[in-house]
PDB file of N, CA and C in Angstrom:
ATOM      1  N   MET A   1      16.389  55.849 -64.613  1.00  0.00           N
ATOM      2  CA  MET A   1      15.194  56.656 -64.725  1.00  0.00           C
ATOM      3  C   MET A   1      15.375  57.927 -63.907  1.00  0.00           C
ATOM      4  N   ASN A   2      14.983  59.023 -64.494  1.00  0.00           N
ATOM      5  CA  ASN A   2      14.976  60.296 -63.808  1.00  0.00           C
ATOM      6  C   ASN A   2      13.511  60.688 -63.610  1.00  0.00           C
ATOM      7  N   ALA A   3      13.028  60.603 -62.385  1.00  0.00           N
ATOM      8  CA  ALA A   3      11.618  60.849 -62.094  1.00  0.00           C
ATOM      9  C   ALA A   3      11.181  62.254 -62.488  1.00  0.00           C
ATOM     10  N   VAL A   4      12.065  63.215 -62.397  1.00  0.00           N
ATOM     11  CA  VAL A   4      11.723  64.589 -62.767  1.00  0.00           C
ATOM     12  C   VAL A   4      11.454  64.674 -64.267  1.00  0.00           C
ATOM     13  N   LEU A   5      12.318  64.070 -65.074  1.00  0.00           N
ATOM     14  CA  LEU A   5      12.130  64.110 -66.530  1.00  0.00           C
ATOM     15  C   LEU A   5      10.873  63.344 -66.944  1.00  0.00           C
ATOM     16  N   VAL A   6      10.617  62.214 -66.304  1.00  0.00           N
ATOM     17  CA  VAL A   6       9.399  61.450 -66.599  1.00  0.00           C
ATOM     18  C   VAL A   6       8.171  62.283 -66.262  1.00  0.00           C
ATOM     19  N   GLY A   7       8.214  62.971 -65.131  1.00  0.00           N
ATOM     20  CA  GLY A   7       7.106  63.846 -64.738  1.00  0.00           C
ATOM     21  C   GLY A   7       6.891  64.980 -65.713  1.00  0.00           C
ATOM     22  N   LEU A   8       7.974  65.572 -66.170  1.00  0.00           N
ATOM     23  CA  LEU A   8       7.854  66.638 -67.171  1.00  0.00           C
ATOM     24  C   LEU A   8       7.267  66.107 -68.474  1.00  0.00           C
ATOM     25  N   ALA A   9       7.714  64.944 -68.894  1.00  0.00           N
ATOM     26  CA  ALA A   9       7.223  64.351 -70.135  1.00  0.00           C
ATOM     27  C   ALA A   9       5.725  64.081 -70.078  1.00  0.00           C
ATOM     28  N   ALA A  10       5.237  63.718 -68.908  1.00  0.00           N
ATOM     29  CA  ALA A  10       3.815  63.413 -68.743  1.00  0.00           C
ATOM     30  C   ALA A  10       2.962  64.650 -68.503  1.00  0.00           C
ATOM     31  N   ASN A  11       3.592  65.792 -68.282  1.00  0.00           N
ATOM     32  CA  ASN A  11       2.874  67.021 -67.951  1.00  0.00           C
ATOM     33  C   ASN A  11       2.320  67.681 -69.217  1.00  0.00           C
ATOM     34  N   PRO A  12       0.997  67.710 -69.390  1.00  0.00           N
ATOM     35  CA  PRO A  12       0.417  68.324 -70.586  1.00  0.00           C
ATOM     36  C   PRO A  12       0.613  69.838 -70.645  1.00  0.00           C
ATOM     37  N   SER A  13       0.981  70.452 -69.524  1.00  0.00           N
ATOM     38  CA  SER A  13       1.213  71.898 -69.495  1.00  0.00           C
ATOM     39  C   SER A  13       2.639  72.286 -69.848  1.00  0.00           C
ATOM     40  N   LEU A  14       3.486  71.296 -70.133  1.00  0.00           N
ATOM     41  CA  LEU A  14       4.869  71.597 -70.503  1.00  0.00           C
ATOM     42  C   LEU A  14       4.877  72.414 -71.790  1.00  0.00           C
ATOM     43  N   PRO A  15       5.514  73.582 -71.778  1.00  0.00           N
ATOM     44  CA  PRO A  15       5.551  74.412 -72.986  1.00  0.00           C
ATOM     45  C   PRO A  15       6.235  73.687 -74.146  1.00  0.00           C
ATOM     46  N   ALA A  16       5.718  73.899 -75.333  1.00  0.00           N
ATOM     47  CA  ALA A  16       6.205  73.218 -76.535  1.00  0.00           C
ATOM     48  C   ALA A  16       7.702  73.418 -76.749  1.00  0.00           C
ATOM     49  N   GLU A  17       8.220  74.579 -76.388  1.00  0.00           N
ATOM     50  CA  GLU A  17       9.642  74.854 -76.616  1.00  0.00           C
ATOM     51  C   GLU A  17      10.552  74.037 -75.686  1.00  0.00           C
ATOM     52  N   LEU A  18       9.990  73.418 -74.664  1.00  0.00           N
ATOM     53  CA  LEU A  18      10.787  72.587 -73.760  1.00  0.00           C
ATOM     54  C   LEU A  18      10.742  71.103 -74.118  1.00  0.00           C
ATOM     55  N   VAL A  19       9.850  70.735 -75.025  1.00  0.00           N
ATOM     56  CA  VAL A  19       9.736  69.326 -75.405  1.00  0.00           C
ATOM     57  C   VAL A  19      10.975  68.874 -76.172  1.00  0.00           C
ATOM     58  N   GLY A  20      11.488  69.693 -77.079  1.00  0.00           N
ATOM     59  CA  GLY A  20      12.680  69.337 -77.850  1.00  0.00           C
ATOM     60  C   GLY A  20      13.881  69.027 -76.972  1.00  0.00           C
ATOM     61  N   PRO A  21      14.254  69.925 -76.052  1.00  0.00           N
ATOM     62  CA  PRO A  21      15.365  69.612 -75.153  1.00  0.00           C
ATOM     63  C   PRO A  21      15.089  68.384 -74.274  1.00  0.00           C
ATOM     64  N   LEU A  22      13.827  68.174 -73.929  1.00  0.00           N
ATOM     65  CA  LEU A  22      13.483  67.000 -73.128  1.00  0.00           C
ATOM     66  C   LEU A  22      13.693  65.721 -73.944  1.00  0.00           C
ATOM     67  N   ILE A  23      13.376  65.758 -75.218  1.00  0.00           N
ATOM     68  CA  ILE A  23      13.615  64.599 -76.090  1.00  0.00           C
ATOM     69  C   ILE A  23      15.105  64.286 -76.129  1.00  0.00           C
ATOM     70  N   GLU A  24      15.926  65.306 -76.234  1.00  0.00           N
ATOM     71  CA  GLU A  24      17.381  65.104 -76.288  1.00  0.00           C
ATOM     72  C   GLU A  24      17.931  64.510 -74.993  1.00  0.00           C
ATOM     73  N   ALA A  25      17.338  64.866 -73.871  1.00  0.00           N
ATOM     74  CA  ALA A  25      17.823  64.400 -72.569  1.00  0.00           C
ATOM     75  C   ALA A  25      17.146  63.104 -72.109  1.00  0.00           C
ATOM     76  N   ALA A  26      16.195  62.624 -72.887  1.00  0.00           N
ATOM     77  CA  ALA A  26      15.345  61.514 -72.446  1.00  0.00           C
ATOM     78  C   ALA A  26      16.091  60.191 -72.324  1.00  0.00           C
ATOM     79  N   ASP A  27      15.767  59.473 -71.241  1.00  0.00           N
ATOM     80  CA  ASP A  27      16.160  58.070 -71.148  1.00  0.00           C
ATOM     81  C   ASP A  27      14.989  57.268 -71.727  1.00  0.00           C
ATOM     82  N   ASP A  28      15.046  55.954 -71.665  1.00  0.00           N
ATOM     83  CA  ASP A  28      14.002  55.136 -72.290  1.00  0.00           C
ATOM     84  C   ASP A  28      12.618  55.375 -71.706  1.00  0.00           C
ATOM     85  N   GLU A  29      12.525  55.490 -70.398  1.00  0.00           N
ATOM     86  CA  GLU A  29      11.215  55.695 -69.776  1.00  0.00           C
ATOM     87  C   GLU A  29      10.638  57.063 -70.108  1.00  0.00           C
ATOM     88  N   THR A  30      11.481  58.084 -70.121  1.00  0.00           N
ATOM     89  CA  THR A  30      11.029  59.428 -70.474  1.00  0.00           C
ATOM     90  C   THR A  30      10.572  59.459 -71.929  1.00  0.00           C
ATOM     91  N   ALA A  31      11.316  58.823 -72.806  1.00  0.00           N
ATOM     92  CA  ALA A  31      10.934  58.762 -74.220  1.00  0.00           C
ATOM     93  C   ALA A  31       9.591  58.058 -74.386  1.00  0.00           C
ATOM     94  N   TRP A  32       9.362  57.013 -73.588  1.00  0.00           N
ATOM     95  CA  TRP A  32       8.094  56.296 -73.641  1.00  0.00           C
ATOM     96  C   TRP A  32       6.941  57.227 -73.280  1.00  0.00           C
ATOM     97  N   LYS A  33       7.117  58.026 -72.230  1.00  0.00           N
ATOM     98  CA  LYS A  33       6.079  58.986 -71.829  1.00  0.00           C
ATOM     99  C   LYS A  33       5.867  60.044 -72.913  1.00  0.00           C
ATOM    100  N   LEU A  34       6.962  60.516 -73.498  1.00  0.00           N
ATOM    101  CA  LEU A  34       6.860  61.514 -74.557  1.00  0.00           C
ATOM    102  C   LEU A  34       6.094  60.976 -75.763  1.00  0.00           C
ATOM    103  N   ALA A  35       6.261  59.703 -76.051  1.00  0.00           N
ATOM    104  CA  ALA A  35       5.610  59.101 -77.218  1.00  0.00           C
ATOM    105  C   ALA A  35       4.081  59.134 -77.106  1.00  0.00           C
ATOM    106  N   TYR A  36       3.561  59.268 -75.905  1.00  0.00           N
ATOM    107  CA  TYR A  36       2.113  59.309 -75.716  1.00  0.00           C
ATOM    108  C   TYR A  36       1.531  60.725 -75.753  1.00  0.00           C
ATOM    109  N   ARG A  37       2.376  61.715 -75.961  1.00  0.00           N
ATOM    110  CA  ARG A  37       1.881  63.092 -76.039  1.00  0.00           C
ATOM    111  C   ARG A  37       1.177  63.319 -77.365  1.00  0.00           C
ATOM    112  N   PHE A  38       0.036  63.965 -77.321  1.00  0.00           N
ATOM    113  CA  PHE A  38      -0.720  64.252 -78.534  1.00  0.00           C
ATOM    114  C   PHE A  38      -0.316  65.568 -79.177  1.00  0.00           C
ATOM    115  N   ASP A  39       0.475  66.359 -78.476  1.00  0.00           N
ATOM    116  CA  ASP A  39       0.808  67.700 -78.965  1.00  0.00           C
ATOM    117  C   ASP A  39       2.182  67.789 -79.624  1.00  0.00           C
ATOM    118  N   LEU A  40       2.800  66.657 -79.947  1.00  0.00           N
ATOM    119  CA  LEU A  40       4.123  66.690 -80.572  1.00  0.00           C
ATOM    120  C   LEU A  40       4.015  67.149 -82.016  1.00  0.00           C
ATOM    121  N   THR A  41       4.964  67.968 -82.417  1.00  0.00           N
ATOM    122  CA  THR A  41       5.034  68.371 -83.824  1.00  0.00           C
ATOM    123  C   THR A  41       5.682  67.243 -84.622  1.00  0.00           C
ATOM    124  N   SER A  42       5.600  67.329 -85.926  1.00  0.00           N
ATOM    125  CA  SER A  42       6.230  66.289 -86.751  1.00  0.00           C
ATOM    126  C   SER A  42       7.742  66.285 -86.545  1.00  0.00           C
ATOM    127  N   THR A  43       8.333  67.443 -86.322  1.00  0.00           N
ATOM    128  CA  THR A  43       9.766  67.533 -86.048  1.00  0.00           C
ATOM    129  C   THR A  43      10.110  66.834 -84.740  1.00  0.00           C
ATOM    130  N   GLN A  44       9.287  67.021 -83.728  1.00  0.00           N
ATOM    131  CA  GLN A  44       9.526  66.381 -82.439  1.00  0.00           C
ATOM    132  C   GLN A  44       9.343  64.865 -82.529  1.00  0.00           C
ATOM    133  N   VAL A  45       8.363  64.421 -83.294  1.00  0.00           N
ATOM    134  CA  VAL A  45       8.167  62.979 -83.485  1.00  0.00           C
ATOM    135  C   VAL A  45       9.390  62.385 -84.181  1.00  0.00           C
ATOM    136  N   THR A  46       9.876  63.066 -85.207  1.00  0.00           N
ATOM    137  CA  THR A  46      11.066  62.605 -85.927  1.00  0.00           C
ATOM    138  C   THR A  46      12.262  62.520 -84.983  1.00  0.00           C
ATOM    139  N   ALA A  47      12.441  63.525 -84.137  1.00  0.00           N
ATOM    140  CA  ALA A  47      13.553  63.526 -83.179  1.00  0.00           C
ATOM    141  C   ALA A  47      13.399  62.401 -82.165  1.00  0.00           C
ATOM    142  N   LEU A  48      12.190  62.130 -81.747  1.00  0.00           N
ATOM    143  CA  LEU A  48      11.945  61.055 -80.786  1.00  0.00           C
ATOM    144  C   LEU A  48      12.243  59.694 -81.417  1.00  0.00           C
ATOM    145  N   VAL A  49      11.828  59.511 -82.649  1.00  0.00           N
ATOM    146  CA  VAL A  49      12.107  58.256 -83.358  1.00  0.00           C
ATOM    147  C   VAL A  49      13.607  58.098 -83.577  1.00  0.00           C
ATOM    148  N   ALA A  50      14.277  59.166 -83.997  1.00  0.00           N
ATOM    149  CA  ALA A  50      15.726  59.114 -84.227  1.00  0.00           C
ATOM    150  C   ALA A  50      16.465  58.813 -82.923  1.00  0.00           C
ATOM    151  N   ARG A  51      15.997  59.355 -81.826  1.00  0.00           N
ATOM    152  CA  ARG A  51      16.603  59.115 -80.517  1.00  0.00           C
ATOM    153  C   ARG A  51      16.495  57.662 -80.130  1.00  0.00           C
ATOM    154  N   SER A  52      15.384  57.027 -80.470  1.00  0.00           N
ATOM    155  CA  SER A  52      15.174  55.630 -80.091  1.00  0.00           C
ATOM    156  C   SER A  52      16.020  54.681 -80.938  1.00  0.00           C
ATOM    157  N   ARG A  53      16.543  55.151 -82.051  1.00  0.00           N
ATOM    158  CA  ARG A  53      17.364  54.311 -82.923  1.00  0.00           C
ATOM    159  C   ARG A  53      18.840  54.374 -82.583  1.00  0.00           C
ATOM    160  N   ARG A  54      19.206  55.181 -81.582  1.00  0.00           N
ATOM    161  CA  ARG A  54      20.608  55.304 -81.193  1.00  0.00           C
ATOM    162  C   ARG A  54      21.108  54.063 -80.531  1.00  0.00           C
TER     163      ARG A  54
END
């Protein structure tokens, strides 16, 4: 777990353009936090789902 990435994932003020790179760098806990974001685009949701299938 990377506490910084988890914190960023939970931060509602994180700019949308940083969510994609965060999805790519996410470990399981960070991905879990990202999954609860309401502001994800359909592309970001697809990337998050694809990441979890690796």
